Protein backbone atom coordinates (compact mmCIF):
# COMPACT_ATOMS: atom_id res chain seq x y z
CA UNK A 1 113.85 91.87 71.60
CA UNK A 2 115.74 92.41 74.83
CA UNK A 3 114.71 90.17 77.72
CA UNK A 4 115.70 90.10 81.37
CA UNK A 5 117.73 87.12 82.57
CA UNK A 6 119.08 85.81 85.85
CA UNK A 7 121.92 83.37 86.50
CA UNK A 8 122.61 81.24 89.54
CA UNK A 9 125.38 82.64 91.73
CA UNK A 10 126.54 79.27 93.08
CA UNK A 11 130.06 78.37 91.96
CA UNK A 12 130.00 76.03 88.95
CA UNK A 13 126.24 76.31 88.34
CA UNK A 14 125.20 77.03 84.75
CA UNK A 15 121.50 77.71 85.45
CA UNK A 16 119.86 80.60 83.59
CA UNK A 17 116.28 81.87 83.61
CA UNK A 18 115.18 83.99 80.64
CA UNK A 19 112.17 86.25 80.75
CA UNK A 20 109.36 84.50 78.89
CA UNK A 21 108.06 86.01 75.66
CA UNK A 22 104.48 85.39 76.83
CA UNK A 23 104.86 86.91 80.31
CA UNK A 24 101.60 88.71 81.20
CA UNK A 25 101.67 92.49 80.87
CA UNK A 26 102.56 94.20 84.14
CA UNK A 27 104.29 91.15 85.66
CA UNK A 28 107.54 92.10 87.38
CA UNK A 29 110.56 89.97 86.46
CA UNK A 30 111.47 89.44 90.14
CA UNK A 31 107.94 88.07 90.74
CA UNK A 32 108.30 85.71 87.75
CA UNK A 33 111.61 84.25 88.92
CA UNK A 34 110.26 83.83 92.45
CA UNK A 35 107.22 81.98 91.06
CA UNK A 36 109.62 79.72 89.11
CA UNK A 37 111.42 78.81 92.34
CA UNK A 38 114.45 81.08 92.16
CA UNK A 39 115.66 82.55 95.46
CA UNK A 40 116.71 86.21 95.65
CA UNK A 41 118.52 87.35 98.76
CA UNK A 42 121.15 89.91 99.63
CA UNK A 43 124.40 88.66 98.09
CA UNK A 44 126.11 88.53 101.46
CA UNK A 45 123.67 85.74 102.47
CA UNK A 46 123.85 83.78 99.20
CA UNK A 47 127.58 84.05 98.55
CA UNK A 48 129.83 83.44 101.55
CA UNK A 49 132.72 85.88 101.56
CA UNK A 50 130.99 88.34 99.24
CA UNK A 51 131.65 91.93 100.31
CA UNK A 52 128.77 93.35 102.29
CA UNK A 53 126.75 95.30 99.76
CA UNK A 54 123.13 95.45 100.99
CA UNK A 55 121.77 96.66 97.64
CA UNK A 56 123.26 93.73 95.65
CA UNK A 57 121.03 90.68 95.22
CA UNK A 58 122.34 87.15 94.85
CA UNK A 59 120.27 84.46 93.13
CA UNK A 60 120.05 80.71 93.60
CA UNK A 61 118.34 78.51 91.02
CA UNK A 62 115.63 76.10 92.20
CA UNK A 63 118.04 73.14 91.97
CA UNK A 64 120.73 74.77 94.16
CA UNK A 65 118.13 76.13 96.59
CA UNK A 66 116.78 72.57 97.05
CA UNK A 67 120.24 71.00 97.35
CA UNK A 68 120.08 69.21 93.94
CA UNK A 69 122.43 71.58 92.10
CA UNK A 70 124.59 72.82 90.62
CA UNK A 71 123.23 72.59 87.07
CA UNK A 72 126.11 71.04 85.12
CA UNK A 73 124.45 70.16 81.80
CA UNK A 74 122.34 72.52 79.74
CA UNK A 75 119.11 71.40 78.14
CA UNK A 76 115.52 72.43 77.50
CA UNK A 77 114.21 73.23 81.01
CA UNK A 78 112.45 76.62 80.95
CA UNK A 79 113.10 77.13 84.67
CA UNK A 80 116.87 76.56 84.91
CA UNK A 81 118.01 75.50 81.38
CA UNK A 82 119.02 72.13 82.84
CA UNK A 83 118.97 68.83 80.96
CA UNK A 84 115.63 67.06 80.74
CA UNK A 85 114.80 63.35 80.65
CA UNK A 86 111.96 61.63 78.76
CA UNK A 87 109.52 60.10 81.26
CA UNK A 88 105.98 58.78 80.71
CA UNK A 89 104.44 61.95 82.20
CA UNK A 90 106.56 64.22 79.97
CA UNK A 91 109.95 65.88 80.01
CA UNK A 92 111.39 66.25 83.53
CA UNK A 93 114.38 68.40 84.44
CA UNK A 94 117.11 66.32 86.07
CA UNK A 95 118.09 69.25 88.29
CA UNK A 96 115.13 71.39 89.40
CA UNK A 97 112.39 68.79 88.72
CA UNK A 98 110.25 70.98 86.43
CA UNK A 99 107.81 68.76 84.51
CA UNK A 100 106.79 69.62 80.96
CA UNK A 101 103.85 67.69 79.49
CA UNK A 102 104.25 66.39 75.98
CA UNK A 103 102.29 68.46 73.41
CA UNK A 104 98.89 67.04 72.45
CA UNK A 105 99.26 64.53 69.67
CA UNK A 106 102.92 63.83 70.42
CA UNK A 107 103.60 60.09 69.89
CA UNK A 108 105.39 59.96 73.26
CA UNK A 109 102.25 61.20 75.05
CA UNK A 110 100.55 58.53 77.20
């Protein structure tokens, strides 16, 4: 299966968003990344010094867009592939803040 993907254009950021396998039929990929907190703008606005090409989009991950990036360690976050930490409410991404509840019946679940 071939899936769409987007990477963060900030220097040194390793964030990646992969199209979900269970994305509802008819959902546009650009709409999905926007819903996940990714920012799409003309590259000239996202990347200082980038040649002016109005049809080229630049992307910032949710962590970089919020000033908490760049993502430096990869992990299990479905939004930016950043490292997650075990907290009582579930897994929490250290970069973008995405919270993932523990599966029902998981011994770590409170």
